[in-house]
């Protein structure tokens, strides 16, 4: 009798591929959950590593931002003191959008593109607006609907901390393009805290406005050559300041985004582990019931 029961147990527990029977449905579910659990764990390792790298880069960017703010605040101070503003707002307009080539940093690039689109929508229909993209991310967003407005694109931005040489090169290319704008502005992300930034518009004063301003005559020894040099230097300073602010905001936003992704991955891992254990226990219980029922039927 014992040998008969043993033979029945062997027949019951032999692999399904020998019997020609379909695999248990829970086994396929277990494999899928196990693969997804492994994938989420790998993603969590990546997001944690990116958070640590972004934290180190953010600390460096914040240290370099403090002296760079002197350039931007000093360059913009004369515009405010002399009350310089473009008289004609209906002809040629220039928008410099500052972003980078790297993603995984929240909605910082999307906010820049939204701001530029709002500026383009507010311009009169008979005016011309040229957009200069610093960074490939904002170009990819704007070229879907506003391809005709993009005049220049500067890539390879964001891989290394911005330097003044890059800003001066961008300013020189804008001046050498031959586009004589009557009004302009820089759209960039201004760093506030580790978890917040502000999409800001910094007005730019064209050379014509400087030469025609009455209050500029108050300063001694200000001729056309001096104003031209001052205009070129101010444009480079403001672009450098905007690039520094955008770089610091990007690193802080990426650090925050990777921290949130790591927390979400942790929650998914706990839920998937619980589901895996429950499914595995259900499969084991069902198999034991089948074995016991088969043995009992033969006794």
C-alpha atoms as a PDB file:
ATOM      1  CA  UNK A   1       0.000   0.000   0.000  1.00  0.00           C
ATOM      2  CA  UNK A   2       2.866   2.385   0.828  1.00  0.00           C
ATOM      3  CA  UNK A   3       4.468   1.743  -2.559  1.00  0.00           C
ATOM      4  CA  UNK A   4       1.191   2.593  -4.302  1.00  0.00           C
ATOM      5  CA  UNK A   5       0.936   5.909  -2.416  1.00  0.00           C
ATOM      6  CA  UNK A   6       4.588   6.711  -3.198  1.00  0.00           C
ATOM      7  CA  UNK A   7       4.023   6.059  -6.905  1.00  0.00           C
ATOM      8  CA  UNK A   8       0.924   8.273  -6.819  1.00  0.00           C
ATOM      9  CA  UNK A   9       2.903  11.086  -5.186  1.00  0.00           C
ATOM     10  CA  UNK A  10       5.623  10.758  -7.822  1.00  0.00           C
ATOM     11  CA  UNK A  11       3.027  11.016 -10.565  1.00  0.00           C
ATOM     12  CA  UNK A  12       1.420  14.056  -8.914  1.00  0.00           C
ATOM     13  CA  UNK A  13       4.558  16.131  -8.308  1.00  0.00           C
ATOM     14  CA  UNK A  14       6.446  15.379 -11.526  1.00  0.00           C
ATOM     15  CA  UNK A  15       7.268  18.475 -13.684  1.00  0.00           C
ATOM     16  CA  UNK A  16       4.493  19.808 -15.835  1.00  0.00           C
ATOM     17  CA  UNK A  17       6.570  19.692 -18.996  1.00  0.00           C
ATOM     18  CA  UNK A  18       6.802  15.879 -18.694  1.00  0.00           C
ATOM     19  CA  UNK A  19       3.048  15.501 -18.335  1.00  0.00           C
ATOM     20  CA  UNK A  20       2.259  17.825 -21.212  1.00  0.00           C
ATOM     21  CA  UNK A  21       0.236  20.034 -18.850  1.00  0.00           C
ATOM     22  CA  UNK A  22       0.327  23.856 -18.976  1.00  0.00           C
ATOM     23  CA  UNK A  23       2.434  25.511 -16.237  1.00  0.00           C
ATOM     24  CA  UNK A  24       0.718  26.810 -13.159  1.00  0.00           C
ATOM     25  CA  UNK A  25      -0.568  30.333 -13.685  1.00  0.00           C
ATOM     26  CA  UNK A  26       0.995  31.542 -10.442  1.00  0.00           C
ATOM     27  CA  UNK A  27       4.472  30.541 -11.638  1.00  0.00           C
ATOM     28  CA  UNK A  28       4.301  32.924 -14.594  1.00  0.00           C
ATOM     29  CA  UNK A  29       3.045  35.657 -12.278  1.00  0.00           C
ATOM     30  CA  UNK A  30       5.906  35.002  -9.870  1.00  0.00           C
ATOM     31  CA  UNK A  31       8.466  35.273 -12.652  1.00  0.00           C
ATOM     32  CA  UNK A  32       6.989  38.525 -13.930  1.00  0.00           C
ATOM     33  CA  UNK A  33       6.902  40.029 -10.425  1.00  0.00           C
ATOM     34  CA  UNK A  34      10.460  38.872  -9.774  1.00  0.00           C
ATOM     35  CA  UNK A  35      11.722  40.452 -12.994  1.00  0.00           C
ATOM     36  CA  UNK A  36       9.927  43.716 -12.286  1.00  0.00           C
ATOM     37  CA  UNK A  37      11.214  43.741  -8.712  1.00  0.00           C
ATOM     38  CA  UNK A  38      14.766  43.316  -9.956  1.00  0.00           C
ATOM     39  CA  UNK A  39      14.277  46.080 -12.513  1.00  0.00           C
ATOM     40  CA  UNK A  40      12.944  48.524  -9.914  1.00  0.00           C
ATOM     41  CA  UNK A  41      15.864  47.755  -7.598  1.00  0.00           C
ATOM     42  CA  UNK A  42      18.330  48.509 -10.396  1.00  0.00           C
ATOM     43  CA  UNK A  43      16.538  51.773 -11.149  1.00  0.00           C
ATOM     44  CA  UNK A  44      16.699  52.705  -7.470  1.00  0.00           C
ATOM     45  CA  UNK A  45      20.470  52.183  -7.492  1.00  0.00           C
ATOM     46  CA  UNK A  46      20.772  54.480 -10.513  1.00  0.00           C
ATOM     47  CA  UNK A  47      18.601  57.226  -9.014  1.00  0.00           C
ATOM     48  CA  UNK A  48      20.508  57.114  -5.722  1.00  0.00           C
ATOM     49  CA  UNK A  49      23.812  57.423  -7.570  1.00  0.00           C
ATOM     50  CA  UNK A  50      22.502  60.327  -9.661  1.00  0.00           C
ATOM     51  CA  UNK A  51      21.264  62.049  -6.522  1.00  0.00           C
ATOM     52  CA  UNK A  52      24.704  61.810  -4.926  1.00  0.00           C
ATOM     53  CA  UNK A  53      26.415  63.115  -8.062  1.00  0.00           C
ATOM     54  CA  UNK A  54      23.907  65.972  -8.379  1.00  0.00           C
ATOM     55  CA  UNK A  55      24.402  66.887  -4.725  1.00  0.00           C
ATOM     56  CA  UNK A  56      28.146  67.250  -5.264  1.00  0.00           C
ATOM     57  CA  UNK A  57      27.650  69.272  -8.455  1.00  0.00           C
ATOM     58  CA  UNK A  58      25.005  71.425  -6.771  1.00  0.00           C
ATOM     59  CA  UNK A  59      27.357  72.337  -3.925  1.00  0.00           C
ATOM     60  CA  UNK A  60      29.984  73.430  -6.436  1.00  0.00           C
ATOM     61  CA  UNK A  61      27.460  75.336  -8.567  1.00  0.00           C
ATOM     62  CA  UNK A  62      26.125  77.196  -5.534  1.00  0.00           C
ATOM     63  CA  UNK A  63      29.634  78.268  -4.538  1.00  0.00           C
ATOM     64  CA  UNK A  64      30.332  79.559  -8.043  1.00  0.00           C
ATOM     65  CA  UNK A  65      26.971  81.329  -8.255  1.00  0.00           C
ATOM     66  CA  UNK A  66      27.729  83.903  -5.561  1.00  0.00           C
ATOM     67  CA  UNK A  67      30.566  85.698  -7.423  1.00  0.00           C
ATOM     68  CA  UNK A  68      28.703  85.330 -10.738  1.00  0.00           C
ATOM     69  CA  UNK A  69      25.740  87.258  -9.360  1.00  0.00           C
ATOM     70  CA  UNK A  70      27.952  90.327  -9.136  1.00  0.00           C
ATOM     71  CA  UNK A  71      28.246  90.315 -12.926  1.00  0.00           C
ATOM     72  CA  UNK A  72      24.518  90.102 -13.503  1.00  0.00           C
ATOM     73  CA  UNK A  73      23.418  92.531 -10.812  1.00  0.00           C
ATOM     74  CA  UNK A  74      26.065  95.059 -11.822  1.00  0.00           C
ATOM     75  CA  UNK A  75      25.147  94.833 -15.490  1.00  0.00           C
ATOM     76  CA  UNK A  76      21.430  95.228 -14.795  1.00  0.00           C
ATOM     77  CA  UNK A  77      21.937  98.102 -12.327  1.00  0.00           C
ATOM     78  CA  UNK A  78      22.596 100.695 -15.029  1.00  0.00           C
ATOM     79  CA  UNK A  79      19.404  99.729 -16.859  1.00  0.00           C
ATOM     80  CA  UNK A  80      17.416 100.430 -13.725  1.00  0.00           C
ATOM     81  CA  UNK A  81      19.290 103.588 -12.702  1.00  0.00           C
ATOM     82  CA  UNK A  82      19.233 105.177 -16.152  1.00  0.00           C
ATOM     83  CA  UNK A  83      15.649 103.969 -16.776  1.00  0.00           C
ATOM     84  CA  UNK A  84      16.559 102.528 -20.145  1.00  0.00           C
ATOM     85  CA  UNK A  85      13.677 100.994 -22.087  1.00  0.00           C
ATOM     86  CA  UNK A  86      12.975 100.332 -25.732  1.00  0.00           C
ATOM     87  CA  UNK A  87      10.580 102.832 -27.282  1.00  0.00           C
ATOM     88  CA  UNK A  88       9.385 100.597 -30.085  1.00  0.00           C
ATOM     89  CA  UNK A  89       7.987  97.238 -28.953  1.00  0.00           C
ATOM     90  CA  UNK A  90       6.401  96.240 -32.256  1.00  0.00           C
ATOM     91  CA  UNK A  91       9.289  95.505 -34.592  1.00  0.00           C
ATOM     92  CA  UNK A  92      12.198  93.148 -33.893  1.00  0.00           C
ATOM     93  CA  UNK A  93      12.416  91.185 -30.682  1.00  0.00           C
ATOM     94  CA  UNK A  94      15.075  88.776 -29.386  1.00  0.00           C
ATOM     95  CA  UNK A  95      14.607  85.999 -26.816  1.00  0.00           C
ATOM     96  CA  UNK A  96      17.570  84.122 -25.354  1.00  0.00           C
ATOM     97  CA  UNK A  97      16.365  80.869 -23.739  1.00  0.00           C
ATOM     98  CA  UNK A  98      18.890  79.355 -21.323  1.00  0.00           C
ATOM     99  CA  UNK A  99      18.654  75.618 -20.611  1.00  0.00           C
ATOM    100  CA  UNK A 100      21.045  72.675 -21.087  1.00  0.00           C
ATOM    101  CA  UNK A 101      21.483  69.382 -22.934  1.00  0.00           C
ATOM    102  CA  UNK A 102      20.714  67.110 -19.985  1.00  0.00           C
ATOM    103  CA  UNK A 103      17.371  65.962 -18.632  1.00  0.00           C
ATOM    104  CA  UNK A 104      16.058  64.048 -15.601  1.00  0.00           C
ATOM    105  CA  UNK A 105      15.731  67.306 -13.681  1.00  0.00           C
ATOM    106  CA  UNK A 106      12.006  67.833 -13.311  1.00  0.00           C
ATOM    107  CA  UNK A 107      10.147  70.434 -15.339  1.00  0.00           C
ATOM    108  CA  UNK A 108      12.850  73.099 -15.397  1.00  0.00           C
ATOM    109  CA  UNK A 109      13.340  72.968 -19.193  1.00  0.00           C
ATOM    110  CA  UNK A 110       9.601  72.745 -19.823  1.00  0.00           C
ATOM    111  CA  UNK A 111       9.009  75.908 -17.804  1.00  0.00           C
ATOM    112  CA  UNK A 112      11.583  77.775 -19.887  1.00  0.00           C
ATOM    113  CA  UNK A 113       9.866  76.629 -23.091  1.00  0.00           C
ATOM    114  CA  UNK A 114       6.437  77.608 -21.750  1.00  0.00           C
ATOM    115  CA  UNK A 115       7.712  81.070 -20.901  1.00  0.00           C
ATOM    116  CA  UNK A 116       9.192  81.514 -24.368  1.00  0.00           C
ATOM    117  CA  UNK A 117       5.943  80.345 -25.990  1.00  0.00           C
ATOM    118  CA  UNK A 118       4.033  82.881 -23.881  1.00  0.00           C
ATOM    119  CA  UNK A 119       6.349  85.645 -25.080  1.00  0.00           C
ATOM    120  CA  UNK A 120       5.861  84.579 -28.695  1.00  0.00           C
ATOM    121  CA  UNK A 121       2.089  84.501 -28.254  1.00  0.00           C
ATOM    122  CA  UNK A 122       2.025  88.027 -26.823  1.00  0.00           C
ATOM    123  CA  UNK A 123       3.998  89.586 -29.654  1.00  0.00           C
ATOM    124  CA  UNK A 124       2.081  91.460 -32.358  1.00  0.00           C
ATOM    125  CA  UNK A 125       1.509  89.640 -35.625  1.00  0.00           C
ATOM    126  CA  UNK A 126       3.449  92.222 -37.644  1.00  0.00           C
ATOM    127  CA  UNK A 127       6.570  91.855 -35.467  1.00  0.00           C
ATOM    128  CA  UNK A 128       9.559  89.544 -35.850  1.00  0.00           C
ATOM    129  CA  UNK A 129      10.800  87.462 -32.940  1.00  0.00           C
ATOM    130  CA  UNK A 130      14.064  85.553 -33.004  1.00  0.00           C
ATOM    131  CA  UNK A 131      14.834  82.871 -30.413  1.00  0.00           C
ATOM    132  CA  UNK A 132      18.368  81.881 -29.419  1.00  0.00           C
ATOM    133  CA  UNK A 133      18.449  78.507 -27.646  1.00  0.00           C
ATOM    134  CA  UNK A 134      21.294  77.810 -25.228  1.00  0.00           C
ATOM    135  CA  UNK A 135      20.934  74.085 -24.678  1.00  0.00           C
ATOM    136  CA  UNK A 136      19.378  71.308 -26.704  1.00  0.00           C
ATOM    137  CA  UNK A 137      16.424  70.579 -24.396  1.00  0.00           C
ATOM    138  CA  UNK A 138      14.566  73.826 -24.966  1.00  0.00           C
ATOM    139  CA  UNK A 139      15.254  73.538 -28.710  1.00  0.00           C
ATOM    140  CA  UNK A 140      13.614  70.104 -28.823  1.00  0.00           C
ATOM    141  CA  UNK A 141      10.475  71.490 -27.176  1.00  0.00           C
ATOM    142  CA  UNK A 142      10.215  74.692 -29.205  1.00  0.00           C
ATOM    143  CA  UNK A 143      10.912  73.216 -32.630  1.00  0.00           C
ATOM    144  CA  UNK A 144       7.623  71.303 -32.635  1.00  0.00           C
ATOM    145  CA  UNK A 145       5.494  74.441 -32.986  1.00  0.00           C
ATOM    146  CA  UNK A 146       7.923  77.383 -33.212  1.00  0.00           C
ATOM    147  CA  UNK A 147      10.624  76.088 -35.508  1.00  0.00           C
ATOM    148  CA  UNK A 148      10.491  79.208 -37.677  1.00  0.00           C
ATOM    149  CA  UNK A 149      11.439  81.470 -34.746  1.00  0.00           C
ATOM    150  CA  UNK A 150      14.629  79.599 -33.774  1.00  0.00           C
ATOM    151  CA  UNK A 151      17.650  81.371 -35.265  1.00  0.00           C
ATOM    152  CA  UNK A 152      20.604  79.904 -33.331  1.00  0.00           C
ATOM    153  CA  UNK A 153      21.203  76.889 -31.097  1.00  0.00           C
ATOM    154  CA  UNK A 154      24.188  76.380 -28.797  1.00  0.00           C
ATOM    155  CA  UNK A 155      24.691  72.788 -27.652  1.00  0.00           C
ATOM    156  CA  UNK A 156      27.142  70.979 -25.362  1.00  0.00           C
ATOM    157  CA  UNK A 157      25.748  72.970 -22.426  1.00  0.00           C
ATOM    158  CA  UNK A 158      25.429  71.452 -18.969  1.00  0.00           C
ATOM    159  CA  UNK A 159      28.137  68.815 -19.175  1.00  0.00           C
ATOM    160  CA  UNK A 160      30.567  71.129 -17.398  1.00  0.00           C
ATOM    161  CA  UNK A 161      30.058  74.256 -15.283  1.00  0.00           C
ATOM    162  CA  UNK A 162      29.601  77.316 -17.510  1.00  0.00           C
ATOM    163  CA  UNK A 163      32.517  79.727 -17.849  1.00  0.00           C
ATOM    164  CA  UNK A 164      32.680  83.328 -18.991  1.00  0.00           C
ATOM    165  CA  UNK A 165      34.395  82.360 -22.245  1.00  0.00           C
ATOM    166  CA  UNK A 166      31.299  80.420 -23.332  1.00  0.00           C
ATOM    167  CA  UNK A 167      29.008  83.338 -22.482  1.00  0.00           C
ATOM    168  CA  UNK A 168      31.206  85.814 -24.360  1.00  0.00           C
ATOM    169  CA  UNK A 169      31.218  83.494 -27.381  1.00  0.00           C
ATOM    170  CA  UNK A 170      27.409  83.307 -27.336  1.00  0.00           C
ATOM    171  CA  UNK A 171      27.180  87.097 -27.028  1.00  0.00           C
ATOM    172  CA  UNK A 172      29.612  87.583 -29.920  1.00  0.00           C
ATOM    173  CA  UNK A 173      27.638  85.214 -32.149  1.00  0.00           C
ATOM    174  CA  UNK A 174      24.430  87.116 -31.383  1.00  0.00           C
ATOM    175  CA  UNK A 175      26.058  90.444 -32.228  1.00  0.00           C
ATOM    176  CA  UNK A 176      27.636  89.062 -35.407  1.00  0.00           C
ATOM    177  CA  UNK A 177      24.373  87.547 -36.625  1.00  0.00           C
ATOM    178  CA  UNK A 178      23.247  90.885 -38.065  1.00  0.00           C
ATOM    179  CA  UNK A 179      19.876  90.766 -36.308  1.00  0.00           C
ATOM    180  CA  UNK A 180      19.387  94.342 -35.054  1.00  0.00           C
ATOM    181  CA  UNK A 181      16.769  93.852 -32.366  1.00  0.00           C
ATOM    182  CA  UNK A 182      14.793  96.683 -30.802  1.00  0.00           C
ATOM    183  CA  UNK A 183      13.961  94.797 -27.605  1.00  0.00           C
ATOM    184  CA  UNK A 184      15.279  91.631 -26.053  1.00  0.00           C
ATOM    185  CA  UNK A 185      15.193  89.475 -22.955  1.00  0.00           C
ATOM    186  CA  UNK A 186      16.862  86.454 -21.421  1.00  0.00           C
ATOM    187  CA  UNK A 187      14.626  83.674 -20.086  1.00  0.00           C
ATOM    188  CA  UNK A 188      16.355  81.570 -17.451  1.00  0.00           C
ATOM    189  CA  UNK A 189      15.757  79.723 -14.173  1.00  0.00           C
ATOM    190  CA  UNK A 190      16.742  81.802 -11.157  1.00  0.00           C
ATOM    191  CA  UNK A 191      17.903  79.803  -8.168  1.00  0.00           C
ATOM    192  CA  UNK A 192      16.056  80.476  -4.906  1.00  0.00           C
ATOM    193  CA  UNK A 193      16.439  77.479  -2.589  1.00  0.00           C
ATOM    194  CA  UNK A 194      17.370  73.830  -2.887  1.00  0.00           C
ATOM    195  CA  UNK A 195      13.796  72.864  -3.700  1.00  0.00           C
ATOM    196  CA  UNK A 196      12.624  75.924  -5.619  1.00  0.00           C
ATOM    197  CA  UNK A 197      13.559  78.131  -8.549  1.00  0.00           C
ATOM    198  CA  UNK A 198      11.864  80.920 -10.476  1.00  0.00           C
ATOM    199  CA  UNK A 199      11.597  81.245 -14.246  1.00  0.00           C
ATOM    200  CA  UNK A 200      12.745  84.830 -14.804  1.00  0.00           C
ATOM    201  CA  UNK A 201      12.916  87.278 -17.695  1.00  0.00           C
ATOM    202  CA  UNK A 202      15.892  89.638 -17.748  1.00  0.00           C
ATOM    203  CA  UNK A 203      15.443  92.545 -20.195  1.00  0.00           C
ATOM    204  CA  UNK A 204      18.266  93.420 -22.571  1.00  0.00           C
ATOM    205  CA  UNK A 205      18.812  96.933 -23.876  1.00  0.00           C
ATOM    206  CA  UNK A 206      19.917  97.222 -27.529  1.00  0.00           C
ATOM    207  CA  UNK A 207      22.753  99.464 -28.611  1.00  0.00           C
ATOM    208  CA  UNK A 208      20.384 101.921 -30.266  1.00  0.00           C
ATOM    209  CA  UNK A 209      18.632 102.567 -26.953  1.00  0.00           C
ATOM    210  CA  UNK A 210      21.967 103.243 -25.239  1.00  0.00           C
ATOM    211  CA  UNK A 211      23.106 105.756 -27.837  1.00  0.00           C
ATOM    212  CA  UNK A 212      19.747 107.573 -27.956  1.00  0.00           C
ATOM    213  CA  UNK A 213      19.276 107.750 -24.189  1.00  0.00           C
ATOM    214  CA  UNK A 214      19.419 111.255 -22.746  1.00  0.00           C
ATOM    215  CA  UNK A 215      20.507 110.118 -19.291  1.00  0.00           C
ATOM    216  CA  UNK A 216      23.628 108.483 -20.657  1.00  0.00           C
ATOM    217  CA  UNK A 217      24.936 111.966 -21.462  1.00  0.00           C
ATOM    218  CA  UNK A 218      25.316 112.590 -17.722  1.00  0.00           C
ATOM    219  CA  UNK A 219      28.422 110.425 -17.682  1.00  0.00           C
ATOM    220  CA  UNK A 220      31.665 111.971 -18.892  1.00  0.00           C
ATOM    221  CA  UNK A 221      33.680 110.653 -21.818  1.00  0.00           C
ATOM    222  CA  UNK A 222      30.908 108.445 -23.145  1.00  0.00           C
ATOM    223  CA  UNK A 223      31.200 108.177 -26.907  1.00  0.00           C
ATOM    224  CA  UNK A 224      29.988 105.599 -29.401  1.00  0.00           C
ATOM    225  CA  UNK A 225      33.024 103.346 -28.971  1.00  0.00           C
ATOM    226  CA  UNK A 226      32.623 103.260 -25.206  1.00  0.00           C
ATOM    227  CA  UNK A 227      28.921 102.467 -25.499  1.00  0.00           C
ATOM    228  CA  UNK A 228      29.650  99.710 -28.017  1.00  0.00           C
ATOM    229  CA  UNK A 229      32.195  98.094 -25.693  1.00  0.00           C
ATOM    230  CA  UNK A 230      29.862  98.488 -22.753  1.00  0.00           C
ATOM    231  CA  UNK A 231      26.985  96.944 -24.696  1.00  0.00           C
ATOM    232  CA  UNK A 232      29.058  93.896 -25.700  1.00  0.00           C
ATOM    233  CA  UNK A 233      30.399  93.416 -22.170  1.00  0.00           C
ATOM    234  CA  UNK A 234      26.971  93.813 -20.584  1.00  0.00           C
ATOM    235  CA  UNK A 235      25.434  91.245 -22.905  1.00  0.00           C
ATOM    236  CA  UNK A 236      28.178  88.738 -22.081  1.00  0.00           C
ATOM    237  CA  UNK A 237      27.844  89.415 -18.341  1.00  0.00           C
ATOM    238  CA  UNK A 238      24.084  88.906 -18.331  1.00  0.00           C
ATOM    239  CA  UNK A 239      24.317  85.693 -20.362  1.00  0.00           C
ATOM    240  CA  UNK A 240      27.033  84.369 -18.039  1.00  0.00           C
ATOM    241  CA  UNK A 241      24.927  85.254 -15.012  1.00  0.00           C
ATOM    242  CA  UNK A 242      21.866  83.541 -16.506  1.00  0.00           C
ATOM    243  CA  UNK A 243      23.875  80.422 -17.344  1.00  0.00           C
ATOM    244  CA  UNK A 244      25.216  80.218 -13.779  1.00  0.00           C
ATOM    245  CA  UNK A 245      21.742  80.628 -12.297  1.00  0.00           C
ATOM    246  CA  UNK A 246      20.336  78.011 -14.677  1.00  0.00           C
ATOM    247  CA  UNK A 247      23.161  75.543 -13.892  1.00  0.00           C
ATOM    248  CA  UNK A 248      22.608  75.825 -10.136  1.00  0.00           C
ATOM    249  CA  UNK A 249      18.830  75.522 -10.531  1.00  0.00           C
ATOM    250  CA  UNK A 250      19.248  72.490 -12.775  1.00  0.00           C
ATOM    251  CA  UNK A 251      21.474  70.613 -10.321  1.00  0.00           C
ATOM    252  CA  UNK A 252      19.170  71.335  -7.396  1.00  0.00           C
ATOM    253  CA  UNK A 253      16.135  70.307  -9.449  1.00  0.00           C
ATOM    254  CA  UNK A 254      17.848  67.092 -10.556  1.00  0.00           C
ATOM    255  CA  UNK A 255      18.820  66.295  -6.978  1.00  0.00           C
ATOM    256  CA  UNK A 256      15.222  66.797  -5.855  1.00  0.00           C
ATOM    257  CA  UNK A 257      13.863  64.748  -8.763  1.00  0.00           C
ATOM    258  CA  UNK A 258      16.232  61.844  -8.108  1.00  0.00           C
ATOM    259  CA  UNK A 259      15.376  61.922  -4.415  1.00  0.00           C
ATOM    260  CA  UNK A 260      11.684  61.659  -5.250  1.00  0.00           C
ATOM    261  CA  UNK A 261      12.371  58.878  -7.747  1.00  0.00           C
ATOM    262  CA  UNK A 262      14.339  56.931  -5.128  1.00  0.00           C
ATOM    263  CA  UNK A 263      11.475  57.244  -2.645  1.00  0.00           C
ATOM    264  CA  UNK A 264       8.950  56.107  -5.238  1.00  0.00           C
ATOM    265  CA  UNK A 265      11.168  53.149  -6.115  1.00  0.00           C
ATOM    266  CA  UNK A 266      11.368  52.215  -2.442  1.00  0.00           C
ATOM    267  CA  UNK A 267       7.577  52.210  -2.166  1.00  0.00           C
ATOM    268  CA  UNK A 268       7.265  50.104  -5.314  1.00  0.00           C
ATOM    269  CA  UNK A 269       9.827  47.624  -3.996  1.00  0.00           C
ATOM    270  CA  UNK A 270       7.917  47.164  -0.757  1.00  0.00           C
ATOM    271  CA  UNK A 271       4.617  46.669  -2.602  1.00  0.00           C
ATOM    272  CA  UNK A 272       6.126  44.269  -5.137  1.00  0.00           C
ATOM    273  CA  UNK A 273       7.842  42.287  -2.370  1.00  0.00           C
ATOM    274  CA  UNK A 274       4.562  41.930  -0.523  1.00  0.00           C
ATOM    275  CA  UNK A 275       2.767  40.856  -3.718  1.00  0.00           C
ATOM    276  CA  UNK A 276       5.543  38.395  -4.542  1.00  0.00           C
ATOM    277  CA  UNK A 277       5.405  36.791  -1.106  1.00  0.00           C
ATOM    278  CA  UNK A 278       1.619  36.509  -1.182  1.00  0.00           C
ATOM    279  CA  UNK A 279       1.619  35.004  -4.663  1.00  0.00           C
ATOM    280  CA  UNK A 280       4.411  32.582  -3.763  1.00  0.00           C
ATOM    281  CA  UNK A 281       2.558  31.467  -0.637  1.00  0.00           C
ATOM    282  CA  UNK A 282      -0.633  30.974  -2.641  1.00  0.00           C
ATOM    283  CA  UNK A 283       1.202  28.836  -5.205  1.00  0.00           C
ATOM    284  CA  UNK A 284       2.816  26.691  -2.516  1.00  0.00           C
ATOM    285  CA  UNK A 285      -0.507  26.249  -0.705  1.00  0.00           C
ATOM    286  CA  UNK A 286      -2.297  25.268  -3.920  1.00  0.00           C
ATOM    287  CA  UNK A 287       0.371  22.720  -4.809  1.00  0.00           C
ATOM    288  CA  UNK A 288       0.235  21.176  -1.318  1.00  0.00           C
ATOM    289  CA  UNK A 289      -3.537  20.909  -1.551  1.00  0.00           C
ATOM    290  CA  UNK A 290      -3.254  19.184  -4.917  1.00  0.00           C
ATOM    291  CA  UNK A 291      -0.649  16.711  -3.597  1.00  0.00           C
ATOM    292  CA  UNK A 292      -2.646  15.878  -0.471  1.00  0.00           C
ATOM    293  CA  UNK A 293      -5.898  15.553  -2.422  1.00  0.00           C
ATOM    294  CA  UNK A 294      -4.271  13.211  -4.922  1.00  0.00           C
ATOM    295  CA  UNK A 295      -2.740  11.057  -2.195  1.00  0.00           C
ATOM    296  CA  UNK A 296      -6.008  10.928  -0.270  1.00  0.00           C
ATOM    297  CA  UNK A 297      -7.919   9.866  -3.360  1.00  0.00           C
ATOM    298  CA  UNK A 298      -5.627   6.872  -3.820  1.00  0.00           C
ATOM    299  CA  UNK A 299      -5.685   5.687  -0.206  1.00  0.00           C
END
